[in-house]
Amino acid sequence: AGSELYWEGLHVVDFDGDGDLDQFRTSPTGNALIYESWEGGAAAQTQTFSAPRLAEPQSDGSGIFTADVNGDGRLDIVTFGAEITWYEVTFSNPGGGGNGNGGGGNNGGGEVIDNAGSTSEDAISLGVLGDGQAQINFDTLQSSIDTEIALFYPDGRLAAENDDFNQTLQSGFGFSSMSPGTWYIAVGQYDTTFADGFSATGGPAGGIIALTVNSNENTRARIQETGAVWFSFDIRPNPLGLPPERAVALGALGDGSLPLQFSTLGSTLDTQMALYGPEGNLLIENDDFNGTRQSGFSASDLTQGIYHVAVSLYQTIFRDGFSVQAPPQAGPFVLRYGTNQSIQGALPADGVRWFSFEVTPRSAPQVDLSGLWISDGNINMSWETQAGVNYRVQRSTDLETWQNIGRFRVGTGNTLQHSLLISGEKQFFRVVIP
């Protein structure tokens, strides 16, 4: 009702195999063929195909039908009137049932992301897809709608776009030599317009697309009300997060109970530094330490494990997973670490020099008795101490119940001594760490 087109042909069939009947309509006056996909009892998406070569004038029996014309397991579209036109359907979806043209309401099964990806800020993350040398391919061949796709630089510029990939209604492209950063993919239905500034507009909303990455990872999502669904992915050095292979070993640097100092003070280069934990997590990074162009930090409360320090030049980007994006420039520097220790270093061609050190297990402090003697009616004892550790002398008459004697004694790293008056009764004495 209210349409300016005259609908002469109508065909109802479960074209996408989702259990809901879909509609095909033809109009010789508008020279159009309409496909309306239904899901859950409501129209989910509509596609318009022009120039279906229908017979004229109207009321001459123009119509539409679907059949597997070429026996490939997929329903094809046939329009008829004064002549017959066959539209071969070439897309298919794995896991689909029925007619082979779809796999249910989500294009072949699997979870559909419904309420995300409306803008680049709300992009669906595909994770880290490789480094700058990786070949990365994207396509929507497993979608059942006519799609368009675009790639955007991290700064929002339009890098590439595609429609009708490999002579299909779907889209795709592949890239390599991509610079590190977060890139963006926008997928829309025909006819979507892409432009600089993260712009993707003009296409209809509601359709479900399947984005495939390198032929083995499918992400299914619904086109949002903005006219596209957005994805993001990262290109970064060391995408697998593997530990550095040729780190300079600094040895064991304590058990983590005391802070460890690292710096490049005394170097002429403008440096940056970072500390990575045993699992590759970025713990600390620094630039311009103490008002200088060099870098440094203090690391405390480190647990047992192997740690890595990365030294590079200014304008380096450090990320989790031992990932360092540094200016590719060589140069000498000095690394100061531990207790007044230092080592001469040189940045290699890729601009990053790695160092490793070990934090050993913490051992419980023990009391080592160093002396015991009697003089002037007193029993005297001495023991070795660790700086900052509290000690306490106790006594007992039965080795079961112990009483504290005097106050806490704080260790200095040297020997401590305590004297007690000898009484007539049998007594036992000990030194404990509370």
Protein backbone atom coordinates (compact mmCIF):
# COMPACT_ATOMS: atom_id res chain seq x y z
CA ALA A 1 0.00 0.00 0.00
CA GLY A 2 1.26 3.45 -0.84
CA SER A 3 4.10 2.08 -3.03
CA GLU A 4 4.79 3.78 -6.34
CA LEU A 5 5.84 0.40 -7.77
CA TYR A 6 3.45 -2.10 -9.27
CA TRP A 7 4.15 -5.56 -7.80
CA GLU A 8 3.25 -8.26 -10.27
CA GLY A 9 5.33 -11.25 -9.14
CA LEU A 10 5.36 -12.68 -5.60
CA HIS A 11 7.17 -15.79 -4.38
CA VAL A 12 7.41 -17.01 -0.78
CA VAL A 13 10.13 -19.48 0.19
CA ASP A 14 12.57 -20.19 3.04
CA PHE A 15 15.44 -18.94 0.90
CA ASP A 16 18.10 -18.64 3.65
CA GLY A 17 17.17 -21.86 5.46
CA ASP A 18 16.45 -20.29 8.83
CA GLY A 19 12.93 -21.72 9.19
CA ASP A 20 11.18 -18.43 8.35
CA LEU A 21 9.54 -17.82 4.99
CA ASP A 22 11.15 -15.04 2.95
CA GLN A 23 9.63 -12.98 0.13
CA PHE A 24 10.60 -12.23 -3.47
CA ARG A 25 8.67 -9.55 -5.35
CA THR A 26 9.00 -8.22 -8.90
CA SER A 27 7.89 -4.94 -10.46
CA PRO A 28 8.04 -4.34 -14.21
CA THR A 29 7.11 -0.68 -13.71
CA GLY A 30 10.05 -0.12 -11.36
CA ASN A 31 12.32 -2.56 -13.19
CA ALA A 32 13.14 -4.05 -9.78
CA LEU A 33 13.45 -7.34 -7.94
CA ILE A 34 13.07 -7.23 -4.14
CA TYR A 35 14.34 -9.89 -1.72
CA GLU A 36 13.00 -9.54 1.83
CA SER A 37 14.53 -11.87 4.44
CA TRP A 38 12.42 -12.66 7.50
CA GLU A 39 13.63 -13.78 10.92
CA GLY A 40 11.46 -14.56 13.92
CA GLY A 41 8.28 -13.49 12.16
CA ALA A 42 9.55 -10.05 11.13
CA ALA A 43 11.38 -8.60 8.14
CA ALA A 44 15.11 -8.54 8.98
CA GLN A 45 16.63 -7.10 5.82
CA THR A 46 15.64 -6.04 2.32
CA GLN A 47 17.72 -6.09 -0.88
CA THR A 48 16.79 -4.45 -4.17
CA PHE A 49 18.21 -5.72 -7.47
CA SER A 50 17.78 -3.52 -10.53
CA ALA A 51 17.31 -4.53 -14.18
CA PRO A 52 15.72 -7.97 -13.72
CA ARG A 53 14.66 -7.92 -17.45
CA LEU A 54 11.00 -8.40 -16.69
CA ALA A 55 8.42 -8.35 -19.46
CA GLU A 56 6.50 -5.17 -20.27
CA PRO A 57 3.87 -3.89 -20.28
CA GLN A 58 2.52 -4.72 -16.84
CA SER A 59 -0.01 -7.51 -16.34
CA ASP A 60 1.81 -9.62 -18.92
CA GLY A 61 2.49 -12.41 -16.47
CA SER A 62 5.86 -11.23 -15.12
CA GLY A 63 6.85 -13.35 -12.14
CA ILE A 64 9.58 -14.90 -10.02
CA PHE A 65 10.41 -18.37 -8.77
CA THR A 66 13.31 -20.12 -7.00
CA ALA A 67 14.78 -23.50 -7.90
CA ASP A 68 18.12 -25.29 -7.83
CA VAL A 69 18.64 -24.80 -11.55
CA ASN A 70 22.22 -26.06 -11.80
CA GLY A 71 22.05 -28.78 -9.15
CA ASP A 72 24.64 -27.28 -6.81
CA GLY A 73 22.46 -27.53 -3.71
CA ARG A 74 21.56 -23.82 -3.66
CA LEU A 75 18.31 -22.20 -4.68
CA ASP A 76 18.70 -19.93 -7.71
CA ILE A 77 16.37 -17.10 -8.75
CA VAL A 78 14.35 -17.24 -11.97
CA THR A 79 12.26 -14.37 -13.36
CA PHE A 80 9.90 -14.93 -16.23
CA GLY A 81 7.56 -13.04 -18.51
CA ALA A 82 8.19 -12.50 -22.18
CA GLU A 83 11.55 -14.13 -21.53
CA ILE A 84 13.22 -16.07 -18.71
CA THR A 85 16.24 -14.85 -16.72
CA TRP A 86 18.21 -17.10 -14.38
CA TYR A 87 20.18 -15.56 -11.48
CA GLU A 88 22.73 -18.09 -10.23
CA VAL A 89 23.31 -17.91 -6.46
CA THR A 90 26.99 -18.52 -5.73
CA PHE A 91 27.28 -17.92 -1.97
CA SER A 92 26.89 -20.65 0.64
CA ASN A 93 27.32 -20.95 4.38
CA PRO A 94 28.87 -23.86 6.29
CA GLY A 95 26.50 -25.50 8.72
CA GLY A 96 23.47 -24.31 6.76
CA GLY A 97 20.53 -26.59 6.30
CA GLY A 98 17.56 -26.91 4.00
CA ASN A 99 18.27 -25.19 0.73
CA GLY A 100 22.00 -24.51 1.19
CA ASN A 101 21.57 -20.74 0.84
CA GLY A 102 21.92 -20.01 4.54
CA GLY A 103 22.47 -21.54 7.91
CA GLY A 104 19.62 -20.15 9.90
CA GLY A 105 19.01 -16.72 11.27
CA ASN A 106 22.70 -16.08 11.92
CA ASN A 107 24.08 -17.04 8.54
CA GLY A 108 25.25 -20.56 9.25
CA GLY A 109 25.13 -21.00 12.99
CA GLY A 110 27.31 -19.67 15.74
CA GLU A 111 26.98 -16.65 17.94
CA VAL A 112 25.97 -13.35 16.35
CA ILE A 113 27.28 -10.14 17.90
CA ASP A 114 24.21 -7.93 18.00
CA ASN A 115 24.82 -4.74 19.94
CA ALA A 116 28.41 -3.72 19.19
CA GLY A 117 30.41 -2.20 16.37
CA SER A 118 28.18 0.77 15.57
CA THR A 119 31.23 3.09 15.35
CA SER A 120 35.02 2.81 15.32
CA GLU A 121 35.03 3.68 19.03
CA ASP A 122 32.74 0.69 19.66
CA ALA A 123 34.59 -1.60 17.26
CA ILE A 124 34.57 -5.37 17.78
CA SER A 125 38.14 -6.37 18.55
CA LEU A 126 39.76 -9.10 16.45
CA GLY A 127 42.89 -9.01 18.64
CA VAL A 128 46.49 -8.99 17.45
CA LEU A 129 46.66 -10.33 13.89
CA GLY A 130 50.40 -10.16 13.22
CA ASP A 131 53.43 -7.97 12.76
CA GLY A 132 54.29 -5.67 9.89
CA GLN A 133 55.43 -8.56 7.68
CA ALA A 134 52.28 -10.69 8.00
CA GLN A 135 49.87 -11.20 5.11
CA ILE A 136 46.34 -10.72 6.42
CA ASN A 137 43.25 -11.47 4.34
CA PHE A 138 39.66 -10.44 5.06
CA ASP A 139 36.47 -11.49 3.28
CA THR A 140 32.72 -11.82 3.78
CA LEU A 141 32.27 -14.83 1.50
CA GLN A 142 30.40 -16.71 4.22
CA SER A 143 27.73 -13.98 4.37
CA SER A 144 24.36 -14.35 2.63
CA ILE A 145 23.89 -10.67 1.83
CA ASP A 146 25.50 -8.33 -0.70
CA THR A 147 28.32 -6.68 1.27
CA GLU A 148 30.97 -3.99 0.96
CA ILE A 149 34.11 -3.72 3.07
CA ALA A 150 36.69 -1.03 3.85
CA LEU A 151 40.01 -0.78 5.69
CA PHE A 152 40.91 2.34 7.69
CA TYR A 153 44.30 3.52 8.93
CA PRO A 154 44.75 4.01 12.70
CA ASP A 155 44.22 7.77 12.20
CA GLY A 156 40.90 7.31 10.38
CA ARG A 157 41.99 7.67 6.77
CA LEU A 158 40.37 5.33 4.27
CA ALA A 159 43.01 2.82 3.15
CA ALA A 160 41.06 0.54 0.79
CA GLU A 161 37.56 -0.66 -0.04
CA ASN A 162 36.01 -3.50 -2.03
CA ASP A 163 32.73 -4.70 -3.50
CA ASP A 164 31.97 -7.94 -5.39
CA PHE A 165 35.07 -9.91 -4.40
CA ASN A 166 36.04 -12.77 -6.76
CA GLN A 167 32.90 -12.17 -8.87
CA THR A 168 30.54 -12.69 -5.90
CA LEU A 169 28.17 -10.35 -4.11
CA GLN A 170 30.48 -10.47 -1.12
CA SER A 171 33.64 -8.46 -0.51
CA GLY A 172 37.26 -8.95 0.54
CA PHE A 173 40.90 -7.92 0.27
CA GLY A 174 44.38 -8.74 1.63
CA PHE A 175 47.30 -6.70 2.91
CA SER A 176 50.89 -6.92 4.14
CA SER A 177 53.56 -4.42 5.24
CA MET A 178 51.12 -2.75 7.61
CA SER A 179 52.60 -0.37 10.18
CA PRO A 180 52.14 -1.16 13.90
CA GLY A 181 48.99 0.24 15.46
CA THR A 182 45.24 -0.34 15.71
CA TRP A 183 43.54 -0.65 12.31
CA TYR A 184 39.82 -0.71 11.55
CA ILE A 185 37.50 -2.67 9.24
CA ALA A 186 33.99 -1.50 8.35
CA VAL A 187 31.49 -3.87 6.72
CA GLY A 188 28.20 -2.68 5.27
CA GLN A 189 25.53 -3.88 2.91
CA TYR A 190 25.37 -2.63 -0.68
CA ASP A 191 25.32 0.39 -1.26
CA THR A 192 27.60 1.76 1.51
CA THR A 193 29.79 4.83 1.07
CA PHE A 194 33.20 4.94 2.79
CA ALA A 195 35.30 8.05 3.36
CA ASP A 196 38.12 9.46 5.48
CA GLY A 197 37.36 10.13 9.12
CA PHE A 198 36.04 6.66 9.99
CA SER A 199 33.00 7.24 7.75
CA ALA A 200 30.74 4.40 6.56
CA THR A 201 27.21 5.47 5.65
CA GLY A 202 24.32 4.87 3.30
CA GLY A 203 23.80 1.14 3.58
CA PRO A 204 20.77 -0.57 5.16
CA ALA A 205 20.93 -1.81 8.76
CA GLY A 206 19.94 -5.14 10.26
CA GLY A 207 21.72 -7.60 8.00
CA ILE A 208 24.04 -10.27 9.42
CA ILE A 209 27.56 -10.56 8.00
CA ALA A 210 30.33 -13.10 8.57
CA LEU A 211 33.83 -11.64 8.52
CA THR A 212 36.54 -14.21 7.84
CA VAL A 213 40.20 -13.55 8.70
CA ASN A 214 42.85 -15.58 6.87
CA SER A 215 40.27 -18.18 5.83
CA ASN A 216 39.93 -19.69 9.29
CA GLU A 217 38.42 -17.24 11.76
CA ASN A 218 34.77 -16.20 11.37
CA THR A 219 33.10 -13.41 13.33
CA ARG A 220 29.38 -12.98 12.79
CA ALA A 221 27.79 -9.64 13.55
CA ARG A 222 24.73 -7.58 12.70
CA ILE A 223 25.01 -4.34 10.72
CA GLN A 224 24.19 -1.56 13.15
CA GLU A 225 21.80 1.37 12.78
CA THR A 226 24.73 3.51 11.63
CA GLY A 227 24.79 1.50 8.39
CA ALA A 228 27.93 -0.55 9.10
CA VAL A 229 29.52 -2.83 11.66
CA TRP A 230 33.06 -1.94 12.75
CA PHE A 231 35.97 -4.20 13.69
CA SER A 232 39.43 -3.37 15.01
CA PHE A 233 42.69 -5.31 15.00
CA ASP A 234 46.25 -4.67 16.13
CA ILE A 235 49.50 -4.92 14.19
CA ARG A 236 52.44 -5.02 16.56
CA PRO A 237 55.97 -6.38 16.93
CA ASN A 238 56.24 -9.84 18.46
CA PRO A 239 52.54 -10.69 18.02
CA LEU A 240 52.93 -14.07 19.77
CA GLY A 241 54.35 -12.46 22.91
CA LEU A 242 57.49 -14.62 22.97
CA PRO A 243 60.34 -13.73 25.36
CA PRO A 244 63.39 -12.08 23.75
CA GLU A 245 65.86 -14.64 22.41
CA ARG A 246 69.17 -12.81 22.86
CA ALA A 247 68.77 -10.85 26.09
CA VAL A 248 71.94 -9.87 27.96
CA ALA A 249 71.86 -11.76 31.28
CA LEU A 250 72.46 -9.66 34.41
CA GLY A 251 72.26 -12.67 36.73
CA ALA A 252 70.35 -12.99 40.02
CA LEU A 253 69.48 -9.62 41.59
CA GLY A 254 68.09 -10.65 44.96
CA ASP A 255 64.84 -12.09 46.20
CA GLY A 256 62.66 -9.02 45.63
CA SER A 257 62.59 -7.96 49.27
CA LEU A 258 64.54 -4.80 48.46
CA PRO A 259 63.84 -2.35 45.60
CA LEU A 260 65.97 -2.67 42.46
CA GLN A 261 67.18 0.45 40.66
CA PHE A 262 67.68 0.69 36.88
CA SER A 263 68.71 3.72 34.82
CA THR A 264 70.63 4.90 31.77
CA LEU A 265 72.02 7.97 33.53
CA GLY A 266 75.38 8.91 32.04
CA SER A 267 74.34 7.95 28.51
CA THR A 268 74.30 10.49 25.71
CA LEU A 269 71.26 8.99 23.96
CA ASP A 270 67.70 10.10 24.71
CA THR A 271 66.45 6.76 26.02
CA GLN A 272 63.31 5.05 27.22
CA MET A 273 63.12 1.93 29.38
CA ALA A 274 60.56 -0.67 30.39
CA LEU A 275 60.37 -3.59 32.79
CA TYR A 276 58.52 -6.77 31.78
CA GLY A 277 57.35 -9.50 34.16
CA PRO A 278 57.91 -13.25 33.75
CA GLU A 279 54.72 -13.61 31.67
CA GLY A 280 55.51 -10.69 29.40
CA ASN A 281 53.27 -8.19 31.16
CA LEU A 282 54.44 -4.57 31.04
CA LEU A 283 55.18 -3.54 34.64
CA ILE A 284 56.96 -0.17 34.42
CA GLU A 285 58.04 2.23 31.68
CA ASN A 286 59.87 5.53 31.92
CA ASP A 287 61.12 8.46 29.89
CA ASP A 288 63.08 11.51 31.14
CA PHE A 289 64.16 10.23 34.56
CA ASN A 290 64.83 12.89 37.20
CA GLY A 291 64.60 15.72 34.68
CA THR A 292 67.12 14.21 32.24
CA ARG A 293 66.74 12.78 28.74
CA GLN A 294 67.71 9.38 30.11
CA SER A 295 65.36 6.88 31.73
CA GLY A 296 65.11 4.91 34.95
CA PHE A 297 62.85 3.37 37.57
CA SER A 298 62.75 1.54 40.88
CA ALA A 299 61.14 -1.91 40.98
CA SER A 300 59.92 -3.25 44.32
CA ASP A 301 57.99 -6.27 45.61
CA LEU A 302 59.12 -8.47 42.72
CA THR A 303 58.29 -12.15 43.04
CA GLN A 304 60.36 -15.11 41.91
CA GLY A 305 61.00 -15.37 38.17
CA ILE A 306 62.89 -14.10 35.13
CA TYR A 307 62.36 -10.41 34.30
CA HIS A 308 63.34 -8.42 31.22
CA VAL A 309 64.40 -4.81 30.77
CA ALA A 310 64.05 -3.14 27.35
CA VAL A 311 66.17 -0.09 26.50
CA SER A 312 65.39 1.97 23.40
CA LEU A 313 65.25 5.50 22.07
CA TYR A 314 62.72 8.27 22.60
CA GLN A 315 59.31 7.74 20.94
CA THR A 316 59.17 4.04 21.74
CA ILE A 317 55.81 2.35 22.35
CA PHE A 318 55.83 -0.46 24.93
CA ARG A 319 52.97 -2.98 25.09
CA ASP A 320 52.20 -6.18 26.95
CA GLY A 321 53.56 -9.39 25.45
CA PHE A 322 57.21 -8.26 25.17
CA SER A 323 56.06 -5.95 22.38
CA VAL A 324 58.30 -2.94 21.72
CA GLN A 325 57.87 -0.57 18.78
CA ALA A 326 61.07 1.52 18.70
CA PRO A 327 62.82 3.83 16.25
CA PRO A 328 65.24 1.64 14.23
CA GLN A 329 68.44 3.39 15.21
CA ALA A 330 71.67 2.04 16.73
CA GLY A 331 73.75 3.75 19.41
CA PRO A 332 75.74 3.20 22.64
CA PHE A 333 74.44 3.66 26.19
CA VAL A 334 75.18 2.60 29.77
CA LEU A 335 72.77 0.61 31.95
CA ARG A 336 73.07 1.04 35.70
CA TYR A 337 71.41 -1.62 37.84
CA GLY A 338 71.43 -3.35 41.20
CA THR A 339 73.89 -1.99 43.76
CA ASN A 340 76.29 0.32 41.95
CA GLN A 341 76.60 -2.05 39.00
CA SER A 342 76.72 -0.95 35.36
CA ILE A 343 77.16 -2.41 31.92
CA GLN A 344 77.93 -0.85 28.56
CA GLY A 345 75.27 -1.52 25.95
CA ALA A 346 74.55 -0.75 22.32
CA LEU A 347 71.21 -0.51 20.56
CA PRO A 348 71.04 -2.88 17.57
CA ALA A 349 69.60 -1.96 14.20
CA ASP A 350 66.01 -2.59 15.31
CA GLY A 351 66.47 -0.09 18.14
CA VAL A 352 65.80 -2.36 21.16
CA ARG A 353 68.34 -3.91 23.54
CA TRP A 354 67.03 -6.51 25.98
CA PHE A 355 68.43 -7.48 29.38
CA SER A 356 67.26 -10.23 31.70
CA PHE A 357 67.68 -10.84 35.42
CA GLU A 358 66.42 -13.36 37.95
CA VAL A 359 64.60 -12.81 41.22
CA THR A 360 65.32 -15.77 43.47
CA PRO A 361 62.88 -17.39 45.93
CA ARG A 362 62.56 -15.67 49.27
CA SER A 363 63.89 -17.76 52.15
CA ALA A 364 62.54 -17.44 55.66
CA PRO A 365 65.02 -15.68 57.97
CA GLN A 366 66.79 -17.99 60.39
CA VAL A 367 68.56 -17.37 63.69
CA ASP A 368 72.21 -18.47 63.65
CA LEU A 369 73.65 -18.65 67.16
CA SER A 370 77.20 -17.36 67.10
CA GLY A 371 78.21 -17.55 70.77
CA LEU A 372 77.19 -18.81 74.24
CA TRP A 373 79.15 -18.24 77.48
CA ILE A 374 78.79 -17.68 81.24
CA SER A 375 80.38 -14.77 83.08
CA ASP A 376 79.74 -13.03 86.40
CA GLY A 377 76.65 -15.10 87.13
CA ASN A 378 75.09 -14.36 83.74
CA ILE A 379 74.47 -16.50 80.72
CA ASN A 380 75.32 -14.64 77.53
CA MET A 381 74.25 -15.42 73.96
CA SER A 382 74.90 -13.74 70.62
CA TRP A 383 73.48 -14.33 67.17
CA GLU A 384 73.86 -13.12 63.59
CA THR A 385 71.14 -10.77 62.33
CA GLN A 386 69.63 -9.50 59.09
CA ALA A 387 69.02 -5.80 58.76
CA GLY A 388 65.46 -4.78 59.56
CA VAL A 389 64.41 -8.16 61.00
CA ASN A 390 62.90 -8.24 64.52
CA TYR A 391 64.24 -10.72 67.08
CA ARG A 392 63.00 -11.69 70.52
CA VAL A 393 64.54 -13.67 73.41
CA GLN A 394 62.27 -16.18 75.18
CA ARG A 395 62.62 -18.57 78.12
CA SER A 396 60.86 -21.74 79.31
CA THR A 397 61.06 -24.28 82.12
CA ASP A 398 59.45 -27.17 80.19
CA LEU A 399 60.16 -26.45 76.50
CA GLU A 400 56.41 -26.15 75.95
CA THR A 401 55.43 -22.78 77.33
CA TRP A 402 57.60 -19.81 76.40
CA GLN A 403 57.72 -16.32 77.88
CA ASN A 404 59.06 -13.20 76.18
CA ILE A 405 62.02 -11.49 77.77
CA GLY A 406 62.54 -7.80 77.22
CA ARG A 407 61.67 -5.91 74.05
CA PHE A 408 62.06 -6.58 70.35
CA ARG A 409 65.63 -6.37 69.09
CA VAL A 410 65.98 -5.02 65.54
CA GLY A 411 68.67 -6.59 63.42
CA THR A 412 71.38 -4.39 61.95
CA GLY A 413 73.19 -6.95 59.84
CA ASN A 414 75.72 -7.38 62.65
CA THR A 415 75.79 -9.54 65.79
CA LEU A 416 73.33 -8.92 68.63
CA GLN A 417 73.92 -10.02 72.26
CA HIS A 418 71.69 -10.67 75.28
CA SER A 419 72.57 -11.46 78.92
CA LEU A 420 70.40 -13.16 81.56
CA LEU A 421 70.95 -13.72 85.30
CA ILE A 422 71.41 -17.38 86.19
CA SER A 423 68.84 -18.60 88.77
CA GLY A 424 68.69 -21.84 90.73
CA GLU A 425 65.91 -23.39 88.67
CA LYS A 426 66.29 -25.18 85.35
CA GLN A 427 65.60 -22.86 82.44
CA PHE A 428 65.75 -22.93 78.67
CA PHE A 429 66.41 -19.92 76.43
CA ARG A 430 65.93 -19.24 72.73
CA VAL A 431 65.92 -16.43 70.16
CA VAL A 432 62.99 -16.28 67.74
CA ILE A 433 61.83 -14.17 64.80
CA PRO A 434 58.16 -13.28 65.54
